[in-house]
Amino acid sequence: MEFEHRCTIPVSRLALWEFLLDIPRMATCVPGMESITSSGDASYSGQLRVKFGPIRMTFQGTMTIETRDPARWLVVARSEANDRRVGGGVHINTRLLLLESEPEVTELVVQTQARLFGKLGEFGQPVIRKQADTMLAGFARNLVERVPRTVMP
């Protein structure tokens, strides 16, 4: 399953870049994120609570930043998570690309490839797509509220 979301964040590209690469701070913007800890230089483990239709799932998993390319304003991450109670899992590859619209306006492009396993795979694309859209909209709203408007020297 593939998704692409775009949102406009009213901050400079550099300010958004620095915020997104501070993974614990960035994670506070992800709806349902309950915890995140560093597991190494580019690896993190965490817990995310998500509702798919009437079913609530708690995913425990890992995320690894595979690429940080400041010349292209590109971040590539790989995530794997499972819900033990319901019995489902997900493998996600995500590309974040920052495009400068204006000096203080950045378009964030989020491209996601997701493979769903177990019970999660039975929900169907419309349910999954709706939840992904809802989560990305919440993430964008939270970024607008939390990303500092200026970059500290």
C-alpha atoms as a PDB file:
ATOM      1  CA  MET A   1       0.000   0.000   0.000  1.00  0.00           C
ATOM      2  CA  GLU A   2       1.416   3.396  -0.962  1.00  0.00           C
ATOM      3  CA  PHE A   3       0.501   6.860   0.305  1.00  0.00           C
ATOM      4  CA  GLU A   4       1.641  10.378  -0.452  1.00  0.00           C
ATOM      5  CA  HIS A   5       0.689  13.307   1.744  1.00  0.00           C
ATOM      6  CA  ARG A   6       1.640  16.942   1.350  1.00  0.00           C
ATOM      7  CA  CYS A   7       1.245  19.710   3.878  1.00  0.00           C
ATOM      8  CA  THR A   8       2.396  23.292   4.105  1.00  0.00           C
ATOM      9  CA  ILE A   9       4.186  24.312   7.299  1.00  0.00           C
ATOM     10  CA  PRO A  10       4.695  28.073   7.875  1.00  0.00           C
ATOM     11  CA  VAL A  11       8.354  27.839   8.934  1.00  0.00           C
ATOM     12  CA  SER A  12      11.697  27.918   7.155  1.00  0.00           C
ATOM     13  CA  ARG A  13      12.967  24.727   5.613  1.00  0.00           C
ATOM     14  CA  LEU A  14      15.969  24.718   7.969  1.00  0.00           C
ATOM     15  CA  ALA A  15      13.790  25.080  11.086  1.00  0.00           C
ATOM     16  CA  LEU A  16      11.551  22.201   9.961  1.00  0.00           C
ATOM     17  CA  TRP A  17      14.587  20.069   9.021  1.00  0.00           C
ATOM     18  CA  GLU A  18      16.166  20.498  12.448  1.00  0.00           C
ATOM     19  CA  PHE A  19      12.889  19.754  14.215  1.00  0.00           C
ATOM     20  CA  LEU A  20      12.173  16.610  12.188  1.00  0.00           C
ATOM     21  CA  LEU A  21      15.654  15.224  12.845  1.00  0.00           C
ATOM     22  CA  ASP A  22      15.228  15.654  16.596  1.00  0.00           C
ATOM     23  CA  ILE A  23      13.273  12.406  16.710  1.00  0.00           C
ATOM     24  CA  PRO A  24      12.026  12.585  20.332  1.00  0.00           C
ATOM     25  CA  ARG A  25      10.693  16.133  19.752  1.00  0.00           C
ATOM     26  CA  MET A  26       9.253  15.255  16.347  1.00  0.00           C
ATOM     27  CA  ALA A  27       7.542  12.178  17.816  1.00  0.00           C
ATOM     28  CA  THR A  28       5.487  14.420  20.112  1.00  0.00           C
ATOM     29  CA  CYS A  29       3.678  15.551  16.955  1.00  0.00           C
ATOM     30  CA  VAL A  30       2.600  12.038  15.939  1.00  0.00           C
ATOM     31  CA  PRO A  31      -0.992  11.411  17.073  1.00  0.00           C
ATOM     32  CA  GLY A  32      -1.121   8.396  19.390  1.00  0.00           C
ATOM     33  CA  MET A  33       2.611   8.294  20.139  1.00  0.00           C
ATOM     34  CA  GLU A  34       2.972   7.140  23.730  1.00  0.00           C
ATOM     35  CA  SER A  35       6.725   6.717  24.082  1.00  0.00           C
ATOM     36  CA  ILE A  36       9.978   6.828  22.161  1.00  0.00           C
ATOM     37  CA  THR A  37      13.542   6.131  23.215  1.00  0.00           C
ATOM     38  CA  SER A  38      16.850   6.125  21.407  1.00  0.00           C
ATOM     39  CA  SER A  39      18.267   2.669  20.724  1.00  0.00           C
ATOM     40  CA  GLY A  40      21.449   3.914  19.072  1.00  0.00           C
ATOM     41  CA  ASP A  41      22.682   6.650  16.774  1.00  0.00           C
ATOM     42  CA  ALA A  42      19.909   6.333  14.191  1.00  0.00           C
ATOM     43  CA  SER A  43      17.555   3.796  15.820  1.00  0.00           C
ATOM     44  CA  TYR A  44      14.576   4.347  18.083  1.00  0.00           C
ATOM     45  CA  SER A  45      12.001   2.166  19.787  1.00  0.00           C
ATOM     46  CA  GLY A  46       8.550   3.266  20.761  1.00  0.00           C
ATOM     47  CA  GLN A  47       4.885   2.640  21.298  1.00  0.00           C
ATOM     48  CA  LEU A  48       2.012   4.024  19.233  1.00  0.00           C
ATOM     49  CA  ARG A  49      -1.713   3.650  19.923  1.00  0.00           C
ATOM     50  CA  VAL A  50      -3.981   3.723  16.840  1.00  0.00           C
ATOM     51  CA  LYS A  51      -7.686   3.126  16.271  1.00  0.00           C
ATOM     52  CA  PHE A  52      -8.804   1.362  13.090  1.00  0.00           C
ATOM     53  CA  GLY A  53     -12.558   1.551  12.938  1.00  0.00           C
ATOM     54  CA  PRO A  54     -13.813   0.082  16.232  1.00  0.00           C
ATOM     55  CA  ILE A  55     -10.507  -1.647  17.066  1.00  0.00           C
ATOM     56  CA  ARG A  56      -7.725  -0.057  19.112  1.00  0.00           C
ATOM     57  CA  MET A  57      -4.215  -1.310  18.550  1.00  0.00           C
ATOM     58  CA  THR A  58      -1.002  -0.606  20.436  1.00  0.00           C
ATOM     59  CA  PHE A  59       2.060  -1.004  18.259  1.00  0.00           C
ATOM     60  CA  GLN A  60       5.480  -1.579  19.729  1.00  0.00           C
ATOM     61  CA  GLY A  61       8.329  -1.302  17.307  1.00  0.00           C
ATOM     62  CA  THR A  62      11.470   0.265  15.986  1.00  0.00           C
ATOM     63  CA  MET A  63      12.379   3.011  13.563  1.00  0.00           C
ATOM     64  CA  THR A  64      15.742   3.451  11.870  1.00  0.00           C
ATOM     65  CA  ILE A  65      16.801   6.577  10.016  1.00  0.00           C
ATOM     66  CA  GLU A  66      18.515   5.198   6.916  1.00  0.00           C
ATOM     67  CA  THR A  67      19.251   8.460   5.078  1.00  0.00           C
ATOM     68  CA  ARG A  68      19.759  12.047   6.191  1.00  0.00           C
ATOM     69  CA  ASP A  69      20.588  14.025   3.072  1.00  0.00           C
ATOM     70  CA  PRO A  70      20.704  17.762   3.851  1.00  0.00           C
ATOM     71  CA  ALA A  71      21.764  18.600   0.288  1.00  0.00           C
ATOM     72  CA  ARG A  72      18.468  17.171  -1.006  1.00  0.00           C
ATOM     73  CA  TRP A  73      16.434  17.929   2.179  1.00  0.00           C
ATOM     74  CA  LEU A  74      15.534  14.237   2.291  1.00  0.00           C
ATOM     75  CA  VAL A  75      15.081  11.801   5.184  1.00  0.00           C
ATOM     76  CA  VAL A  76      14.420   8.097   4.658  1.00  0.00           C
ATOM     77  CA  ALA A  77      13.265   5.905   7.547  1.00  0.00           C
ATOM     78  CA  ARG A  78      12.291   2.270   8.003  1.00  0.00           C
ATOM     79  CA  SER A  79       9.845   1.181  10.728  1.00  0.00           C
ATOM     80  CA  GLU A  80       8.542  -2.158  11.941  1.00  0.00           C
ATOM     81  CA  ALA A  81       5.889  -2.602  14.613  1.00  0.00           C
ATOM     82  CA  ASN A  82       3.548  -5.232  15.997  1.00  0.00           C
ATOM     83  CA  ASP A  83       0.420  -5.328  18.116  1.00  0.00           C
ATOM     84  CA  ARG A  84       0.492  -8.431  20.301  1.00  0.00           C
ATOM     85  CA  ARG A  85      -3.081  -8.248  21.565  1.00  0.00           C
ATOM     86  CA  VAL A  86      -4.872  -8.180  18.190  1.00  0.00           C
ATOM     87  CA  GLY A  87      -2.103  -9.871  16.234  1.00  0.00           C
ATOM     88  CA  GLY A  88      -1.082  -7.556  13.463  1.00  0.00           C
ATOM     89  CA  GLY A  89       2.005  -5.830  12.247  1.00  0.00           C
ATOM     90  CA  VAL A  90       3.333  -3.309   9.796  1.00  0.00           C
ATOM     91  CA  HIS A  91       6.566  -2.639   7.917  1.00  0.00           C
ATOM     92  CA  ILE A  92       6.836   0.954   6.709  1.00  0.00           C
ATOM     93  CA  ASN A  93       9.319   2.781   4.497  1.00  0.00           C
ATOM     94  CA  THR A  94       8.947   6.549   4.663  1.00  0.00           C
ATOM     95  CA  ARG A  95      10.539   9.364   2.669  1.00  0.00           C
ATOM     96  CA  LEU A  96      10.268  12.933   3.967  1.00  0.00           C
ATOM     97  CA  LEU A  97      11.132  15.648   1.481  1.00  0.00           C
ATOM     98  CA  LEU A  98      11.178  19.351   2.337  1.00  0.00           C
ATOM     99  CA  LEU A  99      10.425  21.778  -0.489  1.00  0.00           C
ATOM    100  CA  GLU A 100      10.838  25.512   0.063  1.00  0.00           C
ATOM    101  CA  SER A 101       7.710  27.355  -1.096  1.00  0.00           C
ATOM    102  CA  GLU A 102       8.813  30.717   0.283  1.00  0.00           C
ATOM    103  CA  PRO A 103      11.612  31.675   2.697  1.00  0.00           C
ATOM    104  CA  GLU A 104       9.344  31.012   5.707  1.00  0.00           C
ATOM    105  CA  VAL A 105       7.035  28.398   4.170  1.00  0.00           C
ATOM    106  CA  THR A 106       7.938  24.747   3.598  1.00  0.00           C
ATOM    107  CA  GLU A 107       6.008  22.015   1.859  1.00  0.00           C
ATOM    108  CA  LEU A 108       6.501  18.676   3.577  1.00  0.00           C
ATOM    109  CA  VAL A 109       6.053  15.682   1.277  1.00  0.00           C
ATOM    110  CA  VAL A 110       5.554  12.355   3.059  1.00  0.00           C
ATOM    111  CA  GLN A 111       5.755   9.257   0.864  1.00  0.00           C
ATOM    112  CA  THR A 112       4.966   5.970   2.574  1.00  0.00           C
ATOM    113  CA  GLN A 113       5.065   2.339   1.520  1.00  0.00           C
ATOM    114  CA  ALA A 114       3.361   0.071   4.046  1.00  0.00           C
ATOM    115  CA  ARG A 115       3.037  -3.694   4.232  1.00  0.00           C
ATOM    116  CA  LEU A 116       0.379  -4.899   6.648  1.00  0.00           C
ATOM    117  CA  PHE A 117       0.353  -8.311   8.318  1.00  0.00           C
ATOM    118  CA  GLY A 118      -2.042 -10.415  10.353  1.00  0.00           C
ATOM    119  CA  LYS A 119      -5.346  -8.929  11.505  1.00  0.00           C
ATOM    120  CA  LEU A 120      -4.245  -5.444  10.447  1.00  0.00           C
ATOM    121  CA  GLY A 121      -4.061  -6.624   6.838  1.00  0.00           C
ATOM    122  CA  GLU A 122      -7.726  -7.654   7.005  1.00  0.00           C
ATOM    123  CA  PHE A 123      -9.037  -4.110   7.563  1.00  0.00           C
ATOM    124  CA  GLY A 124      -8.888  -3.157   3.909  1.00  0.00           C
ATOM    125  CA  GLN A 125      -7.363  -0.210   2.123  1.00  0.00           C
ATOM    126  CA  PRO A 126     -10.185   2.319   2.683  1.00  0.00           C
ATOM    127  CA  VAL A 127      -9.977   1.935   6.484  1.00  0.00           C
ATOM    128  CA  ILE A 128      -6.169   2.056   6.487  1.00  0.00           C
ATOM    129  CA  ARG A 129      -6.065   5.023   4.096  1.00  0.00           C
ATOM    130  CA  LYS A 130      -8.599   6.967   6.189  1.00  0.00           C
ATOM    131  CA  GLN A 131      -6.545   6.398   9.355  1.00  0.00           C
ATOM    132  CA  ALA A 132      -3.324   7.396   7.557  1.00  0.00           C
ATOM    133  CA  ASP A 133      -4.973  10.599   6.301  1.00  0.00           C
ATOM    134  CA  THR A 134      -6.252  11.407   9.804  1.00  0.00           C
ATOM    135  CA  MET A 135      -2.863  10.784  11.409  1.00  0.00           C
ATOM    136  CA  LEU A 136      -0.989  12.886   8.830  1.00  0.00           C
ATOM    137  CA  ALA A 137      -3.441  15.764   9.206  1.00  0.00           C
ATOM    138  CA  GLY A 138      -2.938  15.665  12.989  1.00  0.00           C
ATOM    139  CA  PHE A 139       0.830  15.470  12.538  1.00  0.00           C
ATOM    140  CA  ALA A 140       0.783  18.553  10.281  1.00  0.00           C
ATOM    141  CA  ARG A 141      -1.381  20.526  12.754  1.00  0.00           C
ATOM    142  CA  ASN A 142       0.989  19.623  15.573  1.00  0.00           C
ATOM    143  CA  LEU A 143       4.032  20.641  13.515  1.00  0.00           C
ATOM    144  CA  VAL A 144       2.494  24.052  12.858  1.00  0.00           C
ATOM    145  CA  GLU A 145       2.012  24.521  16.619  1.00  0.00           C
ATOM    146  CA  ARG A 146       5.351  23.121  17.829  1.00  0.00           C
ATOM    147  CA  VAL A 147       8.110  23.853  15.302  1.00  0.00           C
ATOM    148  CA  PRO A 148      10.088  26.908  16.415  1.00  0.00           C
ATOM    149  CA  ARG A 149       9.773  29.777  13.980  1.00  0.00           C
ATOM    150  CA  THR A 150      13.476  30.565  14.114  1.00  0.00           C
ATOM    151  CA  VAL A 151      16.614  28.468  14.148  1.00  0.00           C
ATOM    152  CA  MET A 152      18.916  28.881  17.132  1.00  0.00           C
ATOM    153  CA  PRO A 153      22.543  29.646  16.163  1.00  0.00           C
END
